[in-house]
Amino acid sequence: MEARKKTKVEKTGEVVSSKNEKSRVVLIKRRVQHPVYKKYFNKIKKVMAHDEKNLSKEGDIVRIVQCRPLSKRKRWKIVEISERGAER
């Protein structure tokens, strides 16, 4: 029996809420093409992500990776902060 290597899903998004302790709401945007009409449109999805050290703030662009369920809604972890948002 050979061991399978699981590939982890990685996505990039923007932090839209940092009010919770060790949790962030990340907005993931993607452009998709309509299968019949061939027009491009945007799809958005908000996910909860775990931020152990509370480093990310609102407006930051972060890379998140899928992980085991950490709570009722959290299934993602923040791996790195790609770009800092505007300072307030």
PDB file of N, CA and C in Angstrom:
ATOM      1  N   MET A   1       0.842  -1.174   0.000  1.00  0.00           N
ATOM      2  CA  MET A   1       0.000   0.000   0.000  1.00  0.00           C
ATOM      3  C   MET A   1       0.893   1.245   0.000  1.00  0.00           C
ATOM      4  N   GLU A   2       0.708   2.090  -0.969  1.00  0.00           N
ATOM      5  CA  GLU A   2       1.551   3.282  -1.064  1.00  0.00           C
ATOM      6  C   GLU A   2       0.880   4.462  -0.371  1.00  0.00           C
ATOM      7  N   ALA A   3       1.721   5.311   0.202  1.00  0.00           N
ATOM      8  CA  ALA A   3       1.209   6.474   0.930  1.00  0.00           C
ATOM      9  C   ALA A   3       0.881   7.591  -0.053  1.00  0.00           C
ATOM     10  N   ARG A   4      -0.273   8.178   0.113  1.00  0.00           N
ATOM     11  CA  ARG A   4      -0.680   9.301  -0.734  1.00  0.00           C
ATOM     12  C   ARG A   4      -0.308  10.598  -0.053  1.00  0.00           C
ATOM     13  N   LYS A   5       0.215  11.502  -0.824  1.00  0.00           N
ATOM     14  CA  LYS A   5       0.539  12.814  -0.289  1.00  0.00           C
ATOM     15  C   LYS A   5      -0.632  13.742  -0.569  1.00  0.00           C
ATOM     16  N   LYS A   6      -1.180  14.318   0.500  1.00  0.00           N
ATOM     17  CA  LYS A   6      -2.315  15.218   0.340  1.00  0.00           C
ATOM     18  C   LYS A   6      -1.803  16.600  -0.030  1.00  0.00           C
ATOM     19  N   THR A   7      -2.401  17.180  -1.053  1.00  0.00           N
ATOM     20  CA  THR A   7      -2.055  18.545  -1.420  1.00  0.00           C
ATOM     21  C   THR A   7      -3.005  19.483  -0.694  1.00  0.00           C
ATOM     22  N   LYS A   8      -2.443  20.504  -0.079  1.00  0.00           N
ATOM     23  CA  LYS A   8      -3.254  21.453   0.662  1.00  0.00           C
ATOM     24  C   LYS A   8      -3.697  22.576  -0.260  1.00  0.00           C
ATOM     25  N   VAL A   9      -4.935  22.979  -0.099  1.00  0.00           N
ATOM     26  CA  VAL A   9      -5.502  24.046  -0.914  1.00  0.00           C
ATOM     27  C   VAL A   9      -5.019  25.384  -0.366  1.00  0.00           C
ATOM     28  N   GLU A  10      -4.443  26.211  -1.237  1.00  0.00           N
ATOM     29  CA  GLU A  10      -3.981  27.541  -0.851  1.00  0.00           C
ATOM     30  C   GLU A  10      -4.750  28.581  -1.638  1.00  0.00           C
ATOM     31  N   LYS A  11      -5.124  29.651  -0.966  1.00  0.00           N
ATOM     32  CA  LYS A  11      -5.828  30.751  -1.621  1.00  0.00           C
ATOM     33  C   LYS A  11      -5.303  32.067  -1.082  1.00  0.00           C
ATOM     34  N   THR A  12      -5.553  33.133  -1.819  1.00  0.00           N
ATOM     35  CA  THR A  12      -5.141  34.473  -1.412  1.00  0.00           C
ATOM     36  C   THR A  12      -6.389  35.331  -1.273  1.00  0.00           C
ATOM     37  N   GLY A  13      -6.424  36.150  -0.218  1.00  0.00           N
ATOM     38  CA  GLY A  13      -7.579  37.000   0.002  1.00  0.00           C
ATOM     39  C   GLY A  13      -7.235  38.203   0.857  1.00  0.00           C
ATOM     40  N   GLU A  14      -8.243  39.038   1.078  1.00  0.00           N
ATOM     41  CA  GLU A  14      -8.073  40.263   1.850  1.00  0.00           C
ATOM     42  C   GLU A  14      -8.789  40.137   3.187  1.00  0.00           C
ATOM     43  N   VAL A  15      -8.122  40.558   4.253  1.00  0.00           N
ATOM     44  CA  VAL A  15      -8.725  40.538   5.581  1.00  0.00           C
ATOM     45  C   VAL A  15      -9.750  41.676   5.662  1.00  0.00           C
ATOM     46  N   VAL A  16     -11.011  41.329   5.955  1.00  0.00           N
ATOM     47  CA  VAL A  16     -12.057  42.345   6.033  1.00  0.00           C
ATOM     48  C   VAL A  16     -12.521  42.586   7.463  1.00  0.00           C
ATOM     49  N   SER A  17     -12.195  41.668   8.381  1.00  0.00           N
ATOM     50  CA  SER A  17     -12.548  41.861   9.781  1.00  0.00           C
ATOM     51  C   SER A  17     -11.485  41.237  10.664  1.00  0.00           C
ATOM     52  N   SER A  18     -11.029  42.020  11.653  1.00  0.00           N
ATOM     53  CA  SER A  18     -10.033  41.501  12.593  1.00  0.00           C
ATOM     54  C   SER A  18     -10.492  41.753  14.025  1.00  0.00           C
ATOM     55  N   LYS A  19     -11.785  41.695  14.262  1.00  0.00           N
ATOM     56  CA  LYS A  19     -12.334  42.008  15.572  1.00  0.00           C
ATOM     57  C   LYS A  19     -12.240  40.844  16.549  1.00  0.00           C
ATOM     58  N   ASN A  20     -12.206  39.622  16.040  1.00  0.00           N
ATOM     59  CA  ASN A  20     -12.158  38.454  16.922  1.00  0.00           C
ATOM     60  C   ASN A  20     -10.730  38.136  17.339  1.00  0.00           C
ATOM     61  N   GLU A  21     -10.581  37.542  18.501  1.00  0.00           N
ATOM     62  CA  GLU A  21      -9.280  37.128  19.000  1.00  0.00           C
ATOM     63  C   GLU A  21      -8.827  35.877  18.246  1.00  0.00           C
ATOM     64  N   LYS A  22      -7.659  35.940  17.613  1.00  0.00           N
ATOM     65  CA  LYS A  22      -7.034  34.831  16.872  1.00  0.00           C
ATOM     66  C   LYS A  22      -7.860  34.365  15.668  1.00  0.00           C
ATOM     67  N   SER A  23      -8.798  35.173  15.201  1.00  0.00           N
ATOM     68  CA  SER A  23      -9.606  34.823  14.036  1.00  0.00           C
ATOM     69  C   SER A  23      -9.717  36.025  13.114  1.00  0.00           C
ATOM     70  N   ARG A  24      -9.760  35.773  11.835  1.00  0.00           N
ATOM     71  CA  ARG A  24      -9.915  36.816  10.830  1.00  0.00           C
ATOM     72  C   ARG A  24     -10.943  36.362   9.805  1.00  0.00           C
ATOM     73  N   VAL A  25     -11.663  37.322   9.249  1.00  0.00           N
ATOM     74  CA  VAL A  25     -12.564  37.034   8.138  1.00  0.00           C
ATOM     75  C   VAL A  25     -11.827  37.458   6.873  1.00  0.00           C
ATOM     76  N   VAL A  26     -11.655  36.514   5.949  1.00  0.00           N
ATOM     77  CA  VAL A  26     -10.895  36.754   4.723  1.00  0.00           C
ATOM     78  C   VAL A  26     -11.843  36.679   3.534  1.00  0.00           C
ATOM     79  N   LEU A  27     -11.775  37.687   2.669  1.00  0.00           N
ATOM     80  CA  LEU A  27     -12.598  37.749   1.462  1.00  0.00           C
ATOM     81  C   LEU A  27     -11.777  37.227   0.292  1.00  0.00           C
ATOM     82  N   ILE A  28     -12.270  36.176  -0.351  1.00  0.00           N
ATOM     83  CA  ILE A  28     -11.585  35.571  -1.498  1.00  0.00           C
ATOM     84  C   ILE A  28     -12.355  35.952  -2.752  1.00  0.00           C
ATOM     85  N   LYS A  29     -11.675  36.624  -3.693  1.00  0.00           N
ATOM     86  CA  LYS A  29     -12.291  37.013  -4.964  1.00  0.00           C
ATOM     87  C   LYS A  29     -11.708  36.161  -6.073  1.00  0.00           C
ATOM     88  N   ARG A  30     -12.566  35.781  -7.040  1.00  0.00           N
ATOM     89  CA  ARG A  30     -12.072  35.074  -8.219  1.00  0.00           C
ATOM     90  C   ARG A  30     -12.938  35.423  -9.422  1.00  0.00           C
ATOM     91  N   ARG A  31     -12.312  35.428 -10.582  1.00  0.00           N
ATOM     92  CA  ARG A  31     -13.019  35.709 -11.835  1.00  0.00           C
ATOM     93  C   ARG A  31     -13.305  34.391 -12.522  1.00  0.00           C
ATOM     94  N   VAL A  32     -14.567  34.186 -12.878  1.00  0.00           N
ATOM     95  CA  VAL A  32     -14.960  32.962 -13.568  1.00  0.00           C
ATOM     96  C   VAL A  32     -15.691  33.323 -14.853  1.00  0.00           C
ATOM     97  N   GLN A  33     -15.647  32.401 -15.787  1.00  0.00           N
ATOM     98  CA  GLN A  33     -16.315  32.613 -17.069  1.00  0.00           C
ATOM     99  C   GLN A  33     -17.618  31.830 -17.078  1.00  0.00           C
ATOM    100  N   HIS A  34     -18.686  32.466 -17.538  1.00  0.00           N
ATOM    101  CA  HIS A  34     -19.976  31.795 -17.636  1.00  0.00           C
ATOM    102  C   HIS A  34     -19.869  30.702 -18.685  1.00  0.00           C
ATOM    103  N   PRO A  35     -20.363  29.495 -18.370  1.00  0.00           N
ATOM    104  CA  PRO A  35     -20.188  28.379 -19.306  1.00  0.00           C
ATOM    105  C   PRO A  35     -20.912  28.541 -20.641  1.00  0.00           C
ATOM    106  N   VAL A  36     -22.028  29.248 -20.674  1.00  0.00           N
ATOM    107  CA  VAL A  36     -22.799  29.401 -21.906  1.00  0.00           C
ATOM    108  C   VAL A  36     -22.501  30.725 -22.600  1.00  0.00           C
ATOM    109  N   TYR A  37     -22.540  31.819 -21.826  1.00  0.00           N
ATOM    110  CA  TYR A  37     -22.442  33.149 -22.425  1.00  0.00           C
ATOM    111  C   TYR A  37     -21.016  33.675 -22.525  1.00  0.00           C
ATOM    112  N   LYS A  38     -20.053  32.972 -21.912  1.00  0.00           N
ATOM    113  CA  LYS A  38     -18.625  33.307 -22.002  1.00  0.00           C
ATOM    114  C   LYS A  38     -18.266  34.673 -21.424  1.00  0.00           C
ATOM    115  N   LYS A  39     -19.147  35.246 -20.633  1.00  0.00           N
ATOM    116  CA  LYS A  39     -18.850  36.528 -19.997  1.00  0.00           C
ATOM    117  C   LYS A  39     -18.154  36.257 -18.658  1.00  0.00           C
ATOM    118  N   TYR A  40     -17.170  37.089 -18.326  1.00  0.00           N
ATOM    119  CA  TYR A  40     -16.464  36.954 -17.057  1.00  0.00           C
ATOM    120  C   TYR A  40     -17.184  37.754 -15.968  1.00  0.00           C
ATOM    121  N   PHE A  41     -17.248  37.179 -14.766  1.00  0.00           N
ATOM    122  CA  PHE A  41     -17.831  37.883 -13.636  1.00  0.00           C
ATOM    123  C   PHE A  41     -17.084  37.480 -12.366  1.00  0.00           C
ATOM    124  N   ASN A  42     -17.260  38.266 -11.315  1.00  0.00           N
ATOM    125  CA  ASN A  42     -16.549  38.034 -10.063  1.00  0.00           C
ATOM    126  C   ASN A  42     -17.407  37.219  -9.108  1.00  0.00           C
ATOM    127  N   LYS A  43     -16.761  36.284  -8.429  1.00  0.00           N
ATOM    128  CA  LYS A  43     -17.405  35.534  -7.355  1.00  0.00           C
ATOM    129  C   LYS A  43     -16.620  35.821  -6.091  1.00  0.00           C
ATOM    130  N   ILE A  44     -17.332  36.035  -4.996  1.00  0.00           N
ATOM    131  CA  ILE A  44     -16.658  36.293  -3.730  1.00  0.00           C
ATOM    132  C   ILE A  44     -17.106  35.279  -2.690  1.00  0.00           C
ATOM    133  N   LYS A  45     -16.202  35.011  -1.748  1.00  0.00           N
ATOM    134  CA  LYS A  45     -16.481  34.081  -0.664  1.00  0.00           C
ATOM    135  C   LYS A  45     -15.786  34.590   0.586  1.00  0.00           C
ATOM    136  N   LYS A  46     -16.488  34.598   1.702  1.00  0.00           N
ATOM    137  CA  LYS A  46     -15.892  34.990   2.980  1.00  0.00           C
ATOM    138  C   LYS A  46     -15.649  33.736   3.808  1.00  0.00           C
ATOM    139  N   VAL A  47     -14.435  33.601   4.319  1.00  0.00           N
ATOM    140  CA  VAL A  47     -14.099  32.463   5.162  1.00  0.00           C
ATOM    141  C   VAL A  47     -13.443  32.955   6.441  1.00  0.00           C
ATOM    142  N   MET A  48     -13.568  32.165   7.495  1.00  0.00           N
ATOM    143  CA  MET A  48     -12.888  32.450   8.751  1.00  0.00           C
ATOM    144  C   MET A  48     -11.525  31.766   8.710  1.00  0.00           C
ATOM    145  N   ALA A  49     -10.492  32.487   9.144  1.00  0.00           N
ATOM    146  CA  ALA A  49      -9.134  31.946   9.153  1.00  0.00           C
ATOM    147  C   ALA A  49      -8.509  32.156  10.519  1.00  0.00           C
ATOM    148  N   HIS A  50      -7.661  31.219  10.908  1.00  0.00           N
ATOM    149  CA  HIS A  50      -6.994  31.261  12.209  1.00  0.00           C
ATOM    150  C   HIS A  50      -5.700  32.055  12.099  1.00  0.00           C
ATOM    151  N   ASP A  51      -5.511  33.014  13.003  1.00  0.00           N
ATOM    152  CA  ASP A  51      -4.295  33.831  13.059  1.00  0.00           C
ATOM    153  C   ASP A  51      -3.765  33.744  14.486  1.00  0.00           C
ATOM    154  N   GLU A  52      -2.834  32.823  14.718  1.00  0.00           N
ATOM    155  CA  GLU A  52      -2.377  32.499  16.072  1.00  0.00           C
ATOM    156  C   GLU A  52      -1.800  33.696  16.823  1.00  0.00           C
ATOM    157  N   LYS A  53      -1.020  34.541  16.152  1.00  0.00           N
ATOM    158  CA  LYS A  53      -0.321  35.635  16.833  1.00  0.00           C
ATOM    159  C   LYS A  53      -0.982  36.997  16.633  1.00  0.00           C
ATOM    160  N   ASN A  54      -2.150  37.041  16.035  1.00  0.00           N
ATOM    161  CA  ASN A  54      -2.886  38.297  15.803  1.00  0.00           C
ATOM    162  C   ASN A  54      -2.038  39.324  15.040  1.00  0.00           C
ATOM    163  N   LEU A  55      -1.336  38.891  14.007  1.00  0.00           N
ATOM    164  CA  LEU A  55      -0.463  39.784  13.251  1.00  0.00           C
ATOM    165  C   LEU A  55      -1.174  40.540  12.144  1.00  0.00           C
ATOM    166  N   SER A  56      -2.208  39.959  11.562  1.00  0.00           N
ATOM    167  CA  SER A  56      -2.865  40.590  10.414  1.00  0.00           C
ATOM    168  C   SER A  56      -3.907  41.600  10.869  1.00  0.00           C
ATOM    169  N   LYS A  57      -4.093  42.619  10.060  1.00  0.00           N
ATOM    170  CA  LYS A  57      -5.072  43.666  10.317  1.00  0.00           C
ATOM    171  C   LYS A  57      -6.001  43.778   9.114  1.00  0.00           C
ATOM    172  N   GLU A  58      -7.037  44.602   9.234  1.00  0.00           N
ATOM    173  CA  GLU A  58      -7.964  44.811   8.121  1.00  0.00           C
ATOM    174  C   GLU A  58      -7.227  45.455   6.951  1.00  0.00           C
ATOM    175  N   GLY A  59      -7.510  44.977   5.746  1.00  0.00           N
ATOM    176  CA  GLY A  59      -6.891  45.516   4.545  1.00  0.00           C
ATOM    177  C   GLY A  59      -5.664  44.755   4.092  1.00  0.00           C
ATOM    178  N   ASP A  60      -5.131  43.849   4.912  1.00  0.00           N
ATOM    179  CA  ASP A  60      -3.950  43.071   4.530  1.00  0.00           C
ATOM    180  C   ASP A  60      -4.324  42.002   3.514  1.00  0.00           C
ATOM    181  N   ILE A  61      -3.399  41.733   2.598  1.00  0.00           N
ATOM    182  CA  ILE A  61      -3.550  40.624   1.661  1.00  0.00           C
ATOM    183  C   ILE A  61      -2.795  39.441   2.263  1.00  0.00           C
ATOM    184  N   VAL A  62      -3.502  38.327   2.474  1.00  0.00           N
ATOM    185  CA  VAL A  62      -2.909  37.174   3.148  1.00  0.00           C
ATOM    186  C   VAL A  62      -3.052  35.922   2.292  1.00  0.00           C
ATOM    187  N   ARG A  63      -2.160  34.957   2.551  1.00  0.00           N
ATOM    188  CA  ARG A  63      -2.250  33.641   1.926  1.00  0.00           C
ATOM    189  C   ARG A  63      -2.756  32.679   2.985  1.00  0.00           C
ATOM    190  N   ILE A  64      -3.816  31.941   2.677  1.00  0.00           N
ATOM    191  CA  ILE A  64      -4.403  31.009   3.639  1.00  0.00           C
ATOM    192  C   ILE A  64      -4.335  29.595   3.081  1.00  0.00           C
ATOM    193  N   VAL A  65      -4.295  28.628   3.988  1.00  0.00           N
ATOM    194  CA  VAL A  65      -4.225  27.224   3.606  1.00  0.00           C
ATOM    195  C   VAL A  65      -5.301  26.463   4.365  1.00  0.00           C
ATOM    196  N   GLN A  66      -5.886  25.475   3.708  1.00  0.00           N
ATOM    197  CA  GLN A  66      -6.953  24.697   4.313  1.00  0.00           C
ATOM    198  C   GLN A  66      -6.363  23.749   5.355  1.00  0.00           C
ATOM    199  N   CYS A  67      -7.088  23.563   6.464  1.00  0.00           N
ATOM    200  CA  CYS A  67      -6.607  22.692   7.537  1.00  0.00           C
ATOM    201  C   CYS A  67      -7.788  21.949   8.149  1.00  0.00           C
ATOM    202  N   ARG A  68      -7.519  21.233   9.217  1.00  0.00           N
ATOM    203  CA  ARG A  68      -8.590  20.507   9.908  1.00  0.00           C
ATOM    204  C   ARG A  68      -9.546  21.520  10.553  1.00  0.00           C
ATOM    205  N   PRO A  69     -10.771  21.123  10.867  1.00  0.00           N
ATOM    206  CA  PRO A  69     -11.698  22.047  11.513  1.00  0.00           C
ATOM    207  C   PRO A  69     -11.182  22.501  12.881  1.00  0.00           C
ATOM    208  N   LEU A  70     -11.067  23.814  13.068  1.00  0.00           N
ATOM    209  CA  LEU A  70     -10.601  24.368  14.329  1.00  0.00           C
ATOM    210  C   LEU A  70     -11.757  24.820  15.211  1.00  0.00           C
ATOM    211  N   SER A  71     -12.881  25.146  14.599  1.00  0.00           N
ATOM    212  CA  SER A  71     -14.101  25.503  15.322  1.00  0.00           C
ATOM    213  C   SER A  71     -15.270  25.268  14.371  1.00  0.00           C
ATOM    214  N   LYS A  72     -16.424  25.811  14.716  1.00  0.00           N
ATOM    215  CA  LYS A  72     -17.612  25.583  13.887  1.00  0.00           C
ATOM    216  C   LYS A  72     -17.436  26.121  12.476  1.00  0.00           C
ATOM    217  N   ARG A  73     -16.801  27.305  12.335  1.00  0.00           N
ATOM    218  CA  ARG A  73     -16.679  27.938  11.024  1.00  0.00           C
ATOM    219  C   ARG A  73     -15.254  28.044  10.502  1.00  0.00           C
ATOM    220  N   LYS A  74     -14.256  27.765  11.334  1.00  0.00           N
ATOM    221  CA  LYS A  74     -12.858  27.954  10.923  1.00  0.00           C
ATOM    222  C   LYS A  74     -12.273  26.664  10.362  1.00  0.00           C
ATOM    223  N   ARG A  75     -11.887  26.711   9.071  1.00  0.00           N
ATOM    224  CA  ARG A  75     -11.233  25.583   8.406  1.00  0.00           C
ATOM    225  C   ARG A  75      -9.985  26.038   7.649  1.00  0.00           C
ATOM    226  N   TRP A  76      -9.511  27.251   7.918  1.00  0.00           N
ATOM    227  CA  TRP A  76      -8.368  27.821   7.215  1.00  0.00           C
ATOM    228  C   TRP A  76      -7.377  28.401   8.216  1.00  0.00           C
ATOM    229  N   LYS A  77      -6.097  28.456   7.846  1.00  0.00           N
ATOM    230  CA  LYS A  77      -5.060  29.091   8.654  1.00  0.00           C
ATOM    231  C   LYS A  77      -4.348  30.121   7.796  1.00  0.00           C
ATOM    232  N   ILE A  78      -3.949  31.227   8.414  1.00  0.00           N
ATOM    233  CA  ILE A  78      -3.165  32.233   7.702  1.00  0.00           C
ATOM    234  C   ILE A  78      -1.703  31.787   7.715  1.00  0.00           C
ATOM    235  N   VAL A  79      -1.119  31.650   6.525  1.00  0.00           N
ATOM    236  CA  VAL A  79       0.263  31.199   6.400  1.00  0.00           C
ATOM    237  C   VAL A  79       1.212  32.384   6.398  1.00  0.00           C
ATOM    238  N   GLU A  80       0.897  33.404   5.596  1.00  0.00           N
ATOM    239  CA  GLU A  80       1.759  34.578   5.539  1.00  0.00           C
ATOM    240  C   GLU A  80       0.950  35.804   5.141  1.00  0.00           C
ATOM    241  N   ILE A  81       1.504  36.954   5.488  1.00  0.00           N
ATOM    242  CA  ILE A  81       0.914  38.228   5.083  1.00  0.00           C
ATOM    243  C   ILE A  81       1.690  38.695   3.866  1.00  0.00           C
ATOM    244  N   SER A  82       1.044  38.684   2.699  1.00  0.00           N
ATOM    245  CA  SER A  82       1.721  39.036   1.454  1.00  0.00           C
ATOM    246  C   SER A  82       1.934  40.528   1.326  1.00  0.00           C
ATOM    247  N   GLU A  83       0.929  41.292   1.723  1.00  0.00           N
ATOM    248  CA  GLU A  83       0.975  42.738   1.522  1.00  0.00           C
ATOM    249  C   GLU A  83       0.221  43.408   2.666  1.00  0.00           C
ATOM    250  N   ARG A  84       0.822  44.453   3.204  1.00  0.00           N
ATOM    251  CA  ARG A  84       0.172  45.189   4.288  1.00  0.00           C
ATOM    252  C   ARG A  84      -0.824  46.191   3.704  1.00  0.00           C
ATOM    253  N   GLY A  85      -1.951  46.374   4.400  1.00  0.00           N
ATOM    254  CA  GLY A  85      -2.959  47.334   3.980  1.00  0.00           C
ATOM    255  C   GLY A  85      -2.569  48.742   4.373  1.00  0.00           C
ATOM    256  N   ALA A  86      -3.429  49.691   4.071  1.00  0.00           N
ATOM    257  CA  ALA A  86      -3.185  51.088   4.402  1.00  0.00           C
ATOM    258  C   ALA A  86      -3.232  51.277   5.916  1.00  0.00           C
ATOM    259  N   GLU A  87      -2.273  52.001   6.453  1.00  0.00           N
ATOM    260  CA  GLU A  87      -2.249  52.264   7.896  1.00  0.00           C
ATOM    261  C   GLU A  87      -3.297  53.302   8.241  1.00  0.00           C
ATOM    262  N   ARG A  88      -3.946  53.121   9.372  1.00  0.00           N
ATOM    263  CA  ARG A  88      -4.990  54.056   9.786  1.00  0.00           C
ATOM    264  C   ARG A  88      -4.498  54.953  10.871  1.00  0.00           C
TER     265      ARG A  88
END
